[in-house]
Amino acid sequence: MKQADKRRRSQKRACRVLILDGEEVNRQFTQRVLSERGYQVNCVAEGAEAIGLFRIACEHGQPYTAVILSLEALDDLNGLEVLEQLRLLDPGVAAIAAGVGSANVAPVDWREYGFRGCLRRPYGAEELTAVLEGL
C-alpha cells in the first residue's frame, strides 16, 4: 500500500460521523458504507438522541467530523431543527442534508440553512463518500 493511501485511511479512521435518519434501512446502508471505508459511525433515529450524542462528544473533546441529518419528518425533530441545536454546541458543525429532493421533503435550499453538502435520495456509496470527502 502506498504511503499516501495509508495516510488517507488513517485520516478517515479519525473521522467521526453522526447520522440522523428515521429509516432503519438508510441508517444501515450509510453505516455499512462508511464503516467499510474506515469512518467511525454512530446512527440514531431521533433528533433528541442526535443532539445528546453530539453534546457528549463535544464535552469529551471528541467532536464529530460531520453529521448527516435527514430532512424528512421524524418522530420528534427534523434535520433542520436538529442543526439549529447542534450549532449552539458547535457553530462550525459540518452538516450534510440527506433526503434533498425526496418526495417526503418539502423543497429547501440546503445552503441557506447552513448545510455544507447534500445527499439526494436515493444515493449510493460513491455519492456518500464524495460528499464527506468534499467537506
C-alpha atoms as a PDB file:
ATOM      1  CA  MET A   1       0.000   0.000   0.000  1.00  0.00           C
ATOM      2  CA  LYS A   2       1.308   3.425  -0.935  1.00  0.00           C
ATOM      3  CA  GLN A   3       2.192   5.885   1.824  1.00  0.00           C
ATOM      4  CA  ALA A   4      -0.473   8.371   0.641  1.00  0.00           C
ATOM      5  CA  ASP A   5      -3.140   5.634   0.759  1.00  0.00           C
ATOM      6  CA  LYS A   6      -2.099   4.691   4.291  1.00  0.00           C
ATOM      7  CA  ARG A   7      -2.282   8.331   5.360  1.00  0.00           C
ATOM      8  CA  ARG A   8      -5.781   8.734   3.846  1.00  0.00           C
ATOM      9  CA  ARG A   9      -7.044   5.584   5.597  1.00  0.00           C
ATOM     10  CA  SER A  10      -5.550   6.812   8.881  1.00  0.00           C
ATOM     11  CA  GLN A  11      -7.272  10.190   8.496  1.00  0.00           C
ATOM     12  CA  LYS A  12     -10.615   8.504   7.800  1.00  0.00           C
ATOM     13  CA  ARG A  13     -10.286   6.414  10.948  1.00  0.00           C
ATOM     14  CA  ALA A  14     -10.057   9.648  12.858  1.00  0.00           C
ATOM     15  CA  CYS A  15     -13.237  10.918  11.152  1.00  0.00           C
ATOM     16  CA  ARG A  16     -16.349  10.521  13.262  1.00  0.00           C
ATOM     17  CA  VAL A  17     -19.740  10.773  11.585  1.00  0.00           C
ATOM     18  CA  LEU A  18     -23.134  11.071  13.260  1.00  0.00           C
ATOM     19  CA  ILE A  19     -26.146  10.002  11.193  1.00  0.00           C
ATOM     20  CA  LEU A  20     -29.729  11.008  11.954  1.00  0.00           C
ATOM     21  CA  ASP A  21     -32.294   9.174   9.865  1.00  0.00           C
ATOM     22  CA  GLY A  22     -35.728   7.823  10.758  1.00  0.00           C
ATOM     23  CA  GLU A  23     -35.471   4.961   8.275  1.00  0.00           C
ATOM     24  CA  GLU A  24     -33.540   1.948   9.523  1.00  0.00           C
ATOM     25  CA  VAL A  25     -32.594   0.828   6.012  1.00  0.00           C
ATOM     26  CA  ASN A  26     -30.984   4.236   5.355  1.00  0.00           C
ATOM     27  CA  ARG A  27     -29.064   4.128   8.645  1.00  0.00           C
ATOM     28  CA  GLN A  28     -27.821   0.598   7.972  1.00  0.00           C
ATOM     29  CA  PHE A  29     -26.705   1.380   4.433  1.00  0.00           C
ATOM     30  CA  THR A  30     -24.906   4.582   5.412  1.00  0.00           C
ATOM     31  CA  GLN A  31     -23.223   2.968   8.411  1.00  0.00           C
ATOM     32  CA  ARG A  32     -22.063  -0.040   6.388  1.00  0.00           C
ATOM     33  CA  VAL A  33     -20.623   2.068   3.558  1.00  0.00           C
ATOM     34  CA  LEU A  34     -18.797   4.481   5.853  1.00  0.00           C
ATOM     35  CA  SER A  35     -17.538   1.791   8.240  1.00  0.00           C
ATOM     36  CA  GLU A  36     -16.105  -0.162   5.296  1.00  0.00           C
ATOM     37  CA  ARG A  37     -14.230   2.990   4.315  1.00  0.00           C
ATOM     38  CA  GLY A  38     -12.714   3.478   7.761  1.00  0.00           C
ATOM     39  CA  TYR A  39     -15.072   6.061   9.273  1.00  0.00           C
ATOM     40  CA  GLN A  40     -16.287   5.821  12.873  1.00  0.00           C
ATOM     41  CA  VAL A  41     -20.077   5.995  12.670  1.00  0.00           C
ATOM     42  CA  ASN A  42     -22.941   6.494  15.120  1.00  0.00           C
ATOM     43  CA  CYS A  43     -26.530   6.243  13.893  1.00  0.00           C
ATOM     44  CA  VAL A  44     -29.693   7.459  15.591  1.00  0.00           C
ATOM     45  CA  ALA A  45     -33.365   7.627  14.646  1.00  0.00           C
ATOM     46  CA  GLU A  46     -34.443  10.590  16.766  1.00  0.00           C
ATOM     47  CA  GLY A  47     -33.327  14.217  16.829  1.00  0.00           C
ATOM     48  CA  ALA A  48     -33.070  14.443  20.614  1.00  0.00           C
ATOM     49  CA  GLU A  49     -30.722  11.460  20.658  1.00  0.00           C
ATOM     50  CA  ALA A  50     -28.545  13.048  17.967  1.00  0.00           C
ATOM     51  CA  ILE A  51     -28.288  16.254  19.993  1.00  0.00           C
ATOM     52  CA  GLY A  52     -27.402  14.264  23.109  1.00  0.00           C
ATOM     53  CA  LEU A  53     -24.636  12.273  21.412  1.00  0.00           C
ATOM     54  CA  PHE A  54     -23.265  15.416  19.790  1.00  0.00           C
ATOM     55  CA  ARG A  55     -23.213  17.226  23.154  1.00  0.00           C
ATOM     56  CA  ILE A  56     -21.390  14.342  24.865  1.00  0.00           C
ATOM     57  CA  ALA A  57     -18.830  14.144  22.044  1.00  0.00           C
ATOM     58  CA  CYS A  58     -18.134  17.874  22.322  1.00  0.00           C
ATOM     59  CA  GLU A  59     -17.858  17.715  26.122  1.00  0.00           C
ATOM     60  CA  HIS A  60     -15.329  14.871  25.878  1.00  0.00           C
ATOM     61  CA  GLY A  61     -13.199  16.632  23.287  1.00  0.00           C
ATOM     62  CA  GLN A  62     -14.101  14.107  20.583  1.00  0.00           C
ATOM     63  CA  PRO A  63     -16.365  16.107  18.266  1.00  0.00           C
ATOM     64  CA  TYR A  64     -17.921  14.630  15.175  1.00  0.00           C
ATOM     65  CA  THR A  65     -16.167  15.458  11.921  1.00  0.00           C
ATOM     66  CA  ALA A  66     -19.534  15.564  10.178  1.00  0.00           C
ATOM     67  CA  VAL A  67     -23.220  14.985  10.784  1.00  0.00           C
ATOM     68  CA  ILE A  68     -25.660  13.667   8.191  1.00  0.00           C
ATOM     69  CA  LEU A  69     -29.169  14.861   9.003  1.00  0.00           C
ATOM     70  CA  SER A  70     -32.330  13.630   7.333  1.00  0.00           C
ATOM     71  CA  LEU A  71     -34.666  16.401   6.270  1.00  0.00           C
ATOM     72  CA  GLU A  72     -37.609  14.023   6.365  1.00  0.00           C
ATOM     73  CA  ALA A  73     -40.058  14.359   9.237  1.00  0.00           C
ATOM     74  CA  LEU A  74     -39.019  12.316  12.256  1.00  0.00           C
ATOM     75  CA  ASP A  75     -40.980  11.489  15.401  1.00  0.00           C
ATOM     76  CA  ASP A  76     -39.505  14.437  17.294  1.00  0.00           C
ATOM     77  CA  LEU A  77     -37.269  16.895  15.402  1.00  0.00           C
ATOM     78  CA  ASN A  78     -36.326  17.092  11.740  1.00  0.00           C
ATOM     79  CA  GLY A  79     -32.805  17.728  10.470  1.00  0.00           C
ATOM     80  CA  LEU A  80     -33.271  21.498  10.236  1.00  0.00           C
ATOM     81  CA  GLU A  81     -34.365  21.716  13.863  1.00  0.00           C
ATOM     82  CA  VAL A  82     -31.529  19.467  14.982  1.00  0.00           C
ATOM     83  CA  LEU A  83     -28.969  21.554  13.095  1.00  0.00           C
ATOM     84  CA  GLU A  84     -30.126  24.669  14.953  1.00  0.00           C
ATOM     85  CA  GLN A  85     -29.437  22.914  18.265  1.00  0.00           C
ATOM     86  CA  LEU A  86     -26.081  21.499  17.135  1.00  0.00           C
ATOM     87  CA  ARG A  87     -24.947  24.994  16.129  1.00  0.00           C
ATOM     88  CA  LEU A  88     -25.484  26.152  19.708  1.00  0.00           C
ATOM     89  CA  LEU A  89     -22.968  23.494  20.780  1.00  0.00           C
ATOM     90  CA  ASP A  90     -20.573  23.966  17.849  1.00  0.00           C
ATOM     91  CA  PRO A  91     -21.192  26.862  15.439  1.00  0.00           C
ATOM     92  CA  GLY A  92     -18.813  25.269  12.922  1.00  0.00           C
ATOM     93  CA  VAL A  93     -20.572  21.910  12.701  1.00  0.00           C
ATOM     94  CA  ALA A  94     -20.125  20.303   9.274  1.00  0.00           C
ATOM     95  CA  ALA A  95     -23.653  19.178   8.411  1.00  0.00           C
ATOM     96  CA  ILE A  96     -24.895  17.323   5.352  1.00  0.00           C
ATOM     97  CA  ALA A  97     -28.579  17.374   4.424  1.00  0.00           C
ATOM     98  CA  ALA A  98     -29.964  13.961   3.453  1.00  0.00           C
ATOM     99  CA  GLY A  99     -33.167  13.440   1.542  1.00  0.00           C
ATOM    100  CA  VAL A 100     -32.990  16.604  -0.536  1.00  0.00           C
ATOM    101  CA  GLY A 101     -35.317  16.206  -3.495  1.00  0.00           C
ATOM    102  CA  SER A 102     -37.180  13.309  -1.895  1.00  0.00           C
ATOM    103  CA  ALA A 103     -40.950  13.186  -2.277  1.00  0.00           C
ATOM    104  CA  ASN A 104     -41.201  13.248   1.546  1.00  0.00           C
ATOM    105  CA  VAL A 105     -39.245  16.501   1.922  1.00  0.00           C
ATOM    106  CA  ALA A 106     -40.538  19.980   1.225  1.00  0.00           C
ATOM    107  CA  PRO A 107     -38.315  21.847  -1.258  1.00  0.00           C
ATOM    108  CA  VAL A 108     -35.500  23.542   0.630  1.00  0.00           C
ATOM    109  CA  ASP A 109     -32.269  25.304  -0.275  1.00  0.00           C
ATOM    110  CA  TRP A 110     -29.915  23.377   1.968  1.00  0.00           C
ATOM    111  CA  ARG A 111     -27.162  26.003   1.621  1.00  0.00           C
ATOM    112  CA  GLU A 112     -29.492  28.663   3.018  1.00  0.00           C
ATOM    113  CA  TYR A 113     -29.771  26.669   6.250  1.00  0.00           C
ATOM    114  CA  GLY A 114     -26.017  26.246   6.619  1.00  0.00           C
ATOM    115  CA  PHE A 115     -25.569  22.694   5.383  1.00  0.00           C
ATOM    116  CA  ARG A 116     -22.198  22.138   3.730  1.00  0.00           C
ATOM    117  CA  GLY A 117     -23.398  19.393   1.422  1.00  0.00           C
ATOM    118  CA  CYS A 118     -26.428  17.377   0.424  1.00  0.00           C
ATOM    119  CA  LEU A 119     -27.370  13.844  -0.453  1.00  0.00           C
ATOM    120  CA  ARG A 120     -30.293  13.343  -2.811  1.00  0.00           C
ATOM    121  CA  ARG A 121     -32.165  10.093  -2.338  1.00  0.00           C
ATOM    122  CA  PRO A 122     -31.626   7.521  -3.444  1.00  0.00           C
ATOM    123  CA  TYR A 123     -27.871   7.927  -3.054  1.00  0.00           C
ATOM    124  CA  GLY A 124     -25.153   5.353  -3.479  1.00  0.00           C
ATOM    125  CA  ALA A 125     -21.811   4.646  -1.875  1.00  0.00           C
ATOM    126  CA  GLU A 126     -19.891   6.887  -4.268  1.00  0.00           C
ATOM    127  CA  GLU A 127     -22.129   9.929  -3.671  1.00  0.00           C
ATOM    128  CA  LEU A 128     -21.958   9.396   0.086  1.00  0.00           C
ATOM    129  CA  THR A 129     -18.186   9.161   0.117  1.00  0.00           C
ATOM    130  CA  ALA A 130     -17.758  12.111  -2.252  1.00  0.00           C
ATOM    131  CA  VAL A 131     -19.862  14.490  -0.154  1.00  0.00           C
ATOM    132  CA  LEU A 132     -17.905  13.633   3.010  1.00  0.00           C
ATOM    133  CA  GLU A 133     -14.548  13.965   1.292  1.00  0.00           C
ATOM    134  CA  GLY A 134     -15.699  17.331  -0.086  1.00  0.00           C
ATOM    135  CA  LEU A 135     -16.148  18.894   3.354  1.00  0.00           C
END
